[in-house]
Structure formats: structure tokens, C-alpha cells
Amino acid sequence: MYMKMSGRQMVIFLTVIAPLLFLLAALVITPSIWLIMLALIWLGVGLTMLYIPKAED
């Protein structure tokens, strides 16, 4: 099965879904606190970038 992702779907995956999956995996593998903080910062920056409106001509 082949699933094609649009650009917007890829951005949402990289900025929201990927860090959430990492945090979910952190429940199992118990990484250091720095990796968990990095994932939370990654999520925060990604959500901020998605929230900032884009200038339209």
C-alpha cells in the first residue's frame, strides 16, 4: 500500500506527530531528561511555526 503525503501533511507530521511519537517511545525506553526536553522544545517550536500566519500576496 502506497500513501502519498502532501507538503502540509509532511510539515504537520514533522512538527507535531514525530515528537509526540518520540515522547510515547520515551515511556518504554527511558531516555535521558535532555532528550525529553528536546522533544518538548521541538513540539513547541513546531506548533509556533504552524500558528504564525503566512503572508499572502
N, C-alpha and C. Protein backbone atom coordinates (compact mmCIF):
# COMPACT_ATOMS: atom_id res chain seq x y z
N MET A 1 0.86 -1.18 0.00
CA MET A 1 0.00 0.00 0.00
C MET A 1 0.90 1.24 0.00
N TYR A 2 0.66 2.15 -0.93
CA TYR A 2 1.45 3.37 -1.07
C TYR A 2 0.60 4.55 -0.69
N MET A 3 1.13 5.38 0.23
CA MET A 3 0.37 6.55 0.67
C MET A 3 1.19 7.79 0.37
N LYS A 4 0.65 8.69 -0.42
CA LYS A 4 1.36 9.91 -0.76
C LYS A 4 0.94 11.01 0.21
N MET A 5 1.95 11.74 0.72
CA MET A 5 1.68 12.82 1.67
C MET A 5 1.89 14.16 0.96
N SER A 6 0.99 15.07 1.22
CA SER A 6 1.16 16.41 0.68
C SER A 6 2.18 17.16 1.53
N GLY A 7 2.57 18.34 1.07
CA GLY A 7 3.55 19.13 1.82
C GLY A 7 3.04 19.52 3.19
N ARG A 8 1.78 19.91 3.27
CA ARG A 8 1.21 20.32 4.57
C ARG A 8 1.15 19.14 5.53
N GLN A 9 0.79 17.97 5.03
CA GLN A 9 0.75 16.78 5.88
C GLN A 9 2.14 16.42 6.39
N MET A 10 3.16 16.60 5.55
CA MET A 10 4.52 16.29 5.97
C MET A 10 4.99 17.26 7.05
N VAL A 11 4.65 18.54 6.89
CA VAL A 11 5.02 19.54 7.90
C VAL A 11 4.35 19.23 9.23
N ILE A 12 3.08 18.89 9.20
CA ILE A 12 2.37 18.55 10.44
C ILE A 12 2.96 17.29 11.06
N PHE A 13 3.33 16.32 10.23
CA PHE A 13 3.95 15.11 10.77
C PHE A 13 5.27 15.43 11.46
N LEU A 14 6.12 16.25 10.80
CA LEU A 14 7.44 16.54 11.36
C LEU A 14 7.38 17.45 12.58
N THR A 15 6.38 18.32 12.66
CA THR A 15 6.35 19.28 13.76
C THR A 15 5.48 18.84 14.93
N VAL A 16 4.53 17.96 14.70
CA VAL A 16 3.61 17.57 15.78
C VAL A 16 3.66 16.06 16.06
N ILE A 17 3.44 15.26 15.05
CA ILE A 17 3.29 13.81 15.26
C ILE A 17 4.62 13.16 15.66
N ALA A 18 5.72 13.53 14.99
CA ALA A 18 7.01 12.90 15.29
C ALA A 18 7.45 13.11 16.74
N PRO A 19 7.41 14.36 17.28
CA PRO A 19 7.81 14.49 18.68
C PRO A 19 6.87 13.78 19.65
N LEU A 20 5.58 13.73 19.31
CA LEU A 20 4.65 13.00 20.17
C LEU A 20 4.95 11.51 20.15
N LEU A 21 5.30 10.96 18.99
CA LEU A 21 5.69 9.55 18.92
C LEU A 21 6.97 9.30 19.71
N PHE A 22 7.90 10.26 19.65
CA PHE A 22 9.13 10.11 20.43
C PHE A 22 8.82 10.12 21.93
N LEU A 23 7.94 10.99 22.36
CA LEU A 23 7.59 11.03 23.77
C LEU A 23 6.86 9.76 24.19
N LEU A 24 6.06 9.20 23.28
CA LEU A 24 5.40 7.93 23.57
C LEU A 24 6.43 6.82 23.70
N ALA A 25 7.44 6.83 22.83
CA ALA A 25 8.50 5.82 22.91
C ALA A 25 9.34 6.03 24.17
N ALA A 26 9.41 7.26 24.67
CA ALA A 26 10.18 7.54 25.87
C ALA A 26 9.59 6.84 27.09
N LEU A 27 8.32 6.50 27.03
CA LEU A 27 7.72 5.75 28.13
C LEU A 27 8.31 4.35 28.23
N VAL A 28 8.79 3.82 27.09
CA VAL A 28 9.30 2.45 27.06
C VAL A 28 10.81 2.41 27.25
N ILE A 29 11.54 3.32 26.58
CA ILE A 29 13.00 3.19 26.56
C ILE A 29 13.70 4.03 27.63
N THR A 30 13.00 4.87 28.33
CA THR A 30 13.52 5.77 29.37
C THR A 30 14.83 6.46 28.97
N PRO A 31 14.74 7.43 28.04
CA PRO A 31 15.93 8.19 27.65
C PRO A 31 16.29 9.22 28.73
N SER A 32 17.36 9.97 28.48
CA SER A 32 17.76 11.00 29.44
C SER A 32 16.75 12.15 29.39
N ILE A 33 16.77 12.96 30.42
CA ILE A 33 15.83 14.08 30.52
C ILE A 33 16.09 15.08 29.39
N TRP A 34 17.33 15.17 28.92
CA TRP A 34 17.66 16.12 27.86
C TRP A 34 16.96 15.77 26.56
N LEU A 35 16.82 14.50 26.25
CA LEU A 35 16.12 14.10 25.03
C LEU A 35 14.63 14.39 25.14
N ILE A 36 14.08 14.21 26.32
CA ILE A 36 12.67 14.52 26.52
C ILE A 36 12.44 16.02 26.40
N MET A 37 13.34 16.82 26.97
CA MET A 37 13.22 18.27 26.86
C MET A 37 13.38 18.72 25.42
N LEU A 38 14.29 18.10 24.68
CA LEU A 38 14.47 18.43 23.27
C LEU A 38 13.19 18.14 22.48
N ALA A 39 12.53 17.02 22.76
CA ALA A 39 11.28 16.69 22.06
C ALA A 39 10.19 17.70 22.41
N LEU A 40 10.12 18.14 23.66
CA LEU A 40 9.11 19.14 24.03
C LEU A 40 9.39 20.49 23.38
N ILE A 41 10.67 20.87 23.30
CA ILE A 41 11.02 22.12 22.62
C ILE A 41 10.71 22.02 21.14
N TRP A 42 11.02 20.86 20.54
CA TRP A 42 10.73 20.61 19.13
C TRP A 42 9.22 20.75 18.88
N LEU A 43 8.43 20.19 19.75
CA LEU A 43 6.97 20.28 19.62
C LEU A 43 6.50 21.73 19.77
N GLY A 44 7.05 22.44 20.73
CA GLY A 44 6.66 23.83 20.94
C GLY A 44 7.02 24.72 19.77
N VAL A 45 8.23 24.57 19.25
CA VAL A 45 8.65 25.37 18.09
C VAL A 45 7.80 25.01 16.87
N GLY A 46 7.53 23.74 16.70
CA GLY A 46 6.72 23.33 15.55
C GLY A 46 5.31 23.88 15.61
N LEU A 47 4.71 23.84 16.79
CA LEU A 47 3.36 24.39 16.92
C LEU A 47 3.36 25.90 16.73
N THR A 48 4.43 26.57 17.19
CA THR A 48 4.55 28.01 16.99
C THR A 48 4.67 28.34 15.51
N MET A 49 5.46 27.56 14.79
CA MET A 49 5.62 27.80 13.36
C MET A 49 4.31 27.56 12.61
N LEU A 50 3.54 26.59 13.05
CA LEU A 50 2.25 26.36 12.40
C LEU A 50 1.24 27.44 12.74
N TYR A 51 1.39 28.07 13.90
CA TYR A 51 0.43 29.09 14.34
C TYR A 51 0.67 30.43 13.65
N ILE A 52 1.93 30.76 13.38
CA ILE A 52 2.26 32.05 12.77
C ILE A 52 1.61 32.12 11.39
N PRO A 53 0.79 33.13 11.16
CA PRO A 53 0.12 33.23 9.85
C PRO A 53 1.12 33.54 8.75
N LYS A 54 0.82 33.01 7.58
CA LYS A 54 1.69 33.25 6.44
C LYS A 54 1.22 34.50 5.68
N ALA A 55 2.16 35.28 5.20
CA ALA A 55 1.81 36.47 4.43
C ALA A 55 1.35 36.05 3.04
N GLU A 56 0.19 36.53 2.67
CA GLU A 56 -0.34 36.21 1.35
C GLU A 56 -0.34 37.48 0.50
N ASP A 57 0.06 37.33 -0.76
CA ASP A 57 0.11 38.48 -1.66
C ASP A 57 -1.24 38.79 -2.24
